[in-house]
């Protein structure tokens, strides 16, 4: 499991690269299926391609996201009115 932002970003980038590679392979297969007019298999592969694309985009949205914390908190002392 990633222990800091750098490791998290590295892991996310690895997942993005993997998804993009599978997307490329899927597009090649989809084109072959389309040329064979196998529309059922083509639809399945297009669905897989879409899932890889959405996963990569989601990972991209998390890159560098550290979950912002407020830099200052208000005084919560009991004496404060």
N, C-alpha and C. Protein backbone atom coordinates (compact mmCIF):
# COMPACT_ATOMS: atom_id res chain seq x y z
N UNK A 1 0.85 -1.18 0.00
CA UNK A 1 0.00 0.00 0.00
C UNK A 1 0.89 1.24 0.00
N UNK A 2 0.48 2.27 -0.72
CA UNK A 2 1.27 3.49 -0.79
C UNK A 2 1.31 4.16 0.57
N UNK A 3 2.52 4.61 0.95
CA UNK A 3 2.67 5.20 2.27
C UNK A 3 2.78 6.71 2.24
N UNK A 4 3.03 7.29 1.08
CA UNK A 4 3.08 8.74 0.98
C UNK A 4 2.61 9.18 -0.39
N UNK A 5 2.55 10.49 -0.60
CA UNK A 5 2.01 11.01 -1.86
C UNK A 5 2.83 10.53 -3.05
N UNK A 6 4.14 10.51 -2.92
CA UNK A 6 4.99 10.10 -4.04
C UNK A 6 4.71 8.64 -4.41
N UNK A 7 4.63 7.77 -3.41
CA UNK A 7 4.34 6.36 -3.69
C UNK A 7 2.94 6.20 -4.25
N UNK A 8 1.99 6.96 -3.70
CA UNK A 8 0.61 6.88 -4.18
C UNK A 8 0.55 7.29 -5.65
N UNK A 9 1.20 8.40 -5.99
CA UNK A 9 1.20 8.87 -7.37
C UNK A 9 1.88 7.87 -8.29
N UNK A 10 2.96 7.26 -7.82
CA UNK A 10 3.66 6.25 -8.63
C UNK A 10 2.74 5.05 -8.88
N UNK A 11 2.04 4.63 -7.85
CA UNK A 11 1.12 3.50 -8.00
C UNK A 11 -0.03 3.85 -8.94
N UNK A 12 -0.59 5.04 -8.77
CA UNK A 12 -1.67 5.47 -9.66
C UNK A 12 -1.19 5.54 -11.10
N UNK A 13 0.03 6.03 -11.32
CA UNK A 13 0.57 6.12 -12.68
C UNK A 13 0.75 4.74 -13.29
N UNK A 14 1.15 3.76 -12.47
CA UNK A 14 1.28 2.39 -12.96
C UNK A 14 -0.08 1.84 -13.39
N UNK A 15 -1.12 2.12 -12.63
CA UNK A 15 -2.47 1.67 -12.98
C UNK A 15 -2.93 2.37 -14.26
N UNK A 16 -2.65 3.67 -14.38
CA UNK A 16 -3.01 4.42 -15.59
C UNK A 16 -2.32 3.82 -16.80
N UNK A 17 -1.02 3.56 -16.70
CA UNK A 17 -0.27 2.97 -17.82
C UNK A 17 -0.84 1.61 -18.20
N UNK A 18 -1.18 0.80 -17.20
CA UNK A 18 -1.73 -0.53 -17.45
C UNK A 18 -3.08 -0.41 -18.17
N UNK A 19 -3.94 0.49 -17.70
CA UNK A 19 -5.25 0.68 -18.33
C UNK A 19 -5.09 1.17 -19.77
N UNK A 20 -4.16 2.09 -19.99
CA UNK A 20 -3.96 2.61 -21.35
C UNK A 20 -3.45 1.51 -22.28
N UNK A 21 -2.59 0.63 -21.79
CA UNK A 21 -2.10 -0.48 -22.62
C UNK A 21 -3.25 -1.42 -22.97
N UNK A 22 -4.08 -1.75 -22.00
CA UNK A 22 -5.23 -2.62 -22.26
C UNK A 22 -6.23 -1.95 -23.20
N UNK A 23 -6.35 -0.64 -23.09
CA UNK A 23 -7.23 0.10 -23.99
C UNK A 23 -6.74 0.01 -25.43
N UNK A 24 -5.43 0.15 -25.63
CA UNK A 24 -4.84 0.05 -26.97
C UNK A 24 -5.06 -1.34 -27.54
N UNK A 25 -4.79 -2.36 -26.71
CA UNK A 25 -5.01 -3.74 -27.17
C UNK A 25 -6.48 -3.98 -27.49
N UNK A 26 -7.36 -3.43 -26.68
CA UNK A 26 -8.79 -3.57 -26.90
C UNK A 26 -9.24 -2.91 -28.19
N UNK A 27 -8.68 -1.75 -28.50
CA UNK A 27 -9.04 -1.06 -29.74
C UNK A 27 -8.63 -1.88 -30.97
N UNK A 28 -7.47 -2.52 -30.89
CA UNK A 28 -7.03 -3.38 -32.00
C UNK A 28 -8.00 -4.55 -32.17
N UNK A 29 -8.38 -5.16 -31.05
CA UNK A 29 -9.31 -6.28 -31.11
C UNK A 29 -10.68 -5.82 -31.60
N UNK A 30 -11.13 -4.66 -31.13
CA UNK A 30 -12.43 -4.14 -31.55
C UNK A 30 -12.45 -3.90 -33.05
N UNK A 31 -11.38 -3.35 -33.60
CA UNK A 31 -11.31 -3.13 -35.04
C UNK A 31 -11.37 -4.44 -35.82
N UNK A 32 -10.67 -5.45 -35.31
CA UNK A 32 -10.70 -6.76 -35.97
C UNK A 32 -12.12 -7.35 -35.92
N UNK A 33 -12.76 -7.24 -34.78
CA UNK A 33 -14.12 -7.78 -34.65
C UNK A 33 -15.11 -7.02 -35.54
N UNK A 34 -14.91 -5.72 -35.64
CA UNK A 34 -15.78 -4.91 -36.48
C UNK A 34 -15.62 -5.32 -37.95
N UNK A 35 -14.38 -5.56 -38.37
CA UNK A 35 -14.16 -5.97 -39.76
C UNK A 35 -14.75 -7.35 -40.04
N UNK A 36 -14.86 -8.18 -39.00
CA UNK A 36 -15.48 -9.50 -39.15
C UNK A 36 -16.99 -9.44 -38.95
N UNK A 37 -17.49 -8.24 -38.66
CA UNK A 37 -18.91 -8.00 -38.42
C UNK A 37 -19.46 -8.81 -37.25
N UNK A 38 -18.60 -9.03 -36.24
CA UNK A 38 -19.03 -9.72 -35.02
C UNK A 38 -19.45 -8.66 -34.02
N UNK A 39 -20.67 -8.18 -34.18
CA UNK A 39 -21.14 -7.04 -33.41
C UNK A 39 -21.32 -7.35 -31.92
N UNK A 40 -21.67 -8.58 -31.59
CA UNK A 40 -21.85 -8.94 -30.18
C UNK A 40 -20.50 -8.85 -29.45
N UNK A 41 -19.49 -9.48 -30.01
CA UNK A 41 -18.16 -9.45 -29.39
C UNK A 41 -17.59 -8.04 -29.41
N UNK A 42 -17.85 -7.30 -30.49
CA UNK A 42 -17.39 -5.92 -30.60
C UNK A 42 -17.97 -5.07 -29.46
N UNK A 43 -19.25 -5.25 -29.17
CA UNK A 43 -19.90 -4.50 -28.09
C UNK A 43 -19.28 -4.80 -26.74
N UNK A 44 -18.96 -6.06 -26.50
CA UNK A 44 -18.33 -6.45 -25.24
C UNK A 44 -16.96 -5.79 -25.10
N UNK A 45 -16.17 -5.85 -26.16
CA UNK A 45 -14.83 -5.26 -26.12
C UNK A 45 -14.90 -3.75 -25.95
N UNK A 46 -15.86 -3.11 -26.62
CA UNK A 46 -16.02 -1.65 -26.46
C UNK A 46 -16.37 -1.31 -25.02
N UNK A 47 -17.17 -2.14 -24.38
CA UNK A 47 -17.50 -1.93 -22.97
C UNK A 47 -16.26 -2.03 -22.08
N UNK A 48 -15.40 -3.00 -22.39
CA UNK A 48 -14.15 -3.15 -21.64
C UNK A 48 -13.25 -1.93 -21.84
N UNK A 49 -13.16 -1.48 -23.08
CA UNK A 49 -12.34 -0.30 -23.39
C UNK A 49 -12.84 0.90 -22.59
N UNK A 50 -14.14 1.07 -22.54
CA UNK A 50 -14.74 2.17 -21.80
C UNK A 50 -14.40 2.07 -20.31
N UNK A 51 -14.43 0.87 -19.77
CA UNK A 51 -14.11 0.67 -18.34
C UNK A 51 -12.64 1.02 -18.08
N UNK A 52 -11.74 0.61 -18.96
CA UNK A 52 -10.32 0.96 -18.78
C UNK A 52 -10.12 2.47 -18.85
N UNK A 53 -10.81 3.10 -19.78
CA UNK A 53 -10.69 4.56 -19.93
C UNK A 53 -11.19 5.27 -18.68
N UNK A 54 -12.35 4.84 -18.15
CA UNK A 54 -12.90 5.46 -16.95
C UNK A 54 -11.98 5.24 -15.74
N UNK A 55 -11.41 4.06 -15.64
CA UNK A 55 -10.49 3.77 -14.53
C UNK A 55 -9.26 4.65 -14.60
N UNK A 56 -8.68 4.78 -15.79
CA UNK A 56 -7.50 5.64 -15.96
C UNK A 56 -7.84 7.08 -15.64
N UNK A 57 -8.99 7.55 -16.09
CA UNK A 57 -9.38 8.94 -15.80
C UNK A 57 -9.59 9.16 -14.30
N UNK A 58 -10.18 8.19 -13.64
CA UNK A 58 -10.37 8.30 -12.19
C UNK A 58 -9.03 8.36 -11.48
N UNK A 59 -8.10 7.52 -11.88
CA UNK A 59 -6.76 7.53 -11.28
C UNK A 59 -6.08 8.88 -11.53
N UNK A 60 -6.23 9.41 -12.74
CA UNK A 60 -5.64 10.73 -13.04
C UNK A 60 -6.20 11.80 -12.11
N UNK A 61 -7.50 11.69 -11.81
CA UNK A 61 -8.12 12.70 -10.95
C UNK A 61 -7.58 12.62 -9.52
N UNK A 62 -7.03 11.48 -9.14
CA UNK A 62 -6.49 11.32 -7.79
C UNK A 62 -5.01 11.64 -7.69
N UNK A 63 -4.33 11.83 -8.82
CA UNK A 63 -2.90 12.15 -8.78
C UNK A 63 -2.67 13.45 -8.03
N UNK A 64 -1.76 13.43 -7.10
CA UNK A 64 -1.42 14.63 -6.35
C UNK A 64 -2.47 15.06 -5.35
N UNK A 65 -3.54 14.31 -5.22
CA UNK A 65 -4.61 14.65 -4.28
C UNK A 65 -4.21 14.17 -2.89
N UNK A 66 -3.93 15.11 -2.01
CA UNK A 66 -3.51 14.74 -0.65
C UNK A 66 -4.64 14.90 0.35
N UNK A 67 -5.78 15.35 -0.10
CA UNK A 67 -6.88 15.56 0.83
C UNK A 67 -6.58 16.77 1.69
N UNK A 68 -7.04 17.91 1.29
CA UNK A 68 -6.65 19.15 1.95
C UNK A 68 -7.12 19.20 3.40
N UNK A 69 -6.24 19.66 4.24
CA UNK A 69 -6.53 19.88 5.65
C UNK A 69 -6.45 21.37 5.91
N UNK A 70 -7.27 21.91 6.77
CA UNK A 70 -7.16 23.35 7.05
C UNK A 70 -5.82 23.65 7.71
N UNK A 71 -5.22 24.77 7.31
CA UNK A 71 -3.93 25.12 7.88
C UNK A 71 -4.08 25.74 9.27
N UNK A 72 -5.23 26.30 9.56
CA UNK A 72 -5.49 26.87 10.88
C UNK A 72 -6.83 26.38 11.39
N UNK A 73 -6.91 26.15 12.66
CA UNK A 73 -8.20 25.78 13.27
C UNK A 73 -8.56 26.87 14.25
N UNK A 74 -9.84 27.19 14.37
CA UNK A 74 -10.23 28.24 15.30
C UNK A 74 -9.95 27.81 16.74
N UNK A 75 -9.75 28.79 17.59
CA UNK A 75 -9.52 28.53 19.00
C UNK A 75 -10.76 27.89 19.58
N UNK A 76 -10.59 26.72 20.16
CA UNK A 76 -11.74 25.99 20.69
C UNK A 76 -11.69 25.92 22.22
N UNK A 77 -10.99 26.84 22.81
CA UNK A 77 -10.87 26.89 24.25
C UNK A 77 -12.24 27.17 24.87
N UNK A 78 -12.48 26.68 26.07
CA UNK A 78 -13.75 26.92 26.76
C UNK A 78 -13.91 28.36 27.15
N UNK A 79 -12.78 29.09 27.25
CA UNK A 79 -12.84 30.50 27.65
C UNK A 79 -13.32 31.40 26.51
N UNK A 80 -13.23 30.93 25.28
CA UNK A 80 -13.59 31.74 24.14
C UNK A 80 -15.11 31.85 24.04
N UNK A 81 -15.61 33.09 23.83
CA UNK A 81 -17.05 33.29 23.70
C UNK A 81 -17.38 33.78 22.33
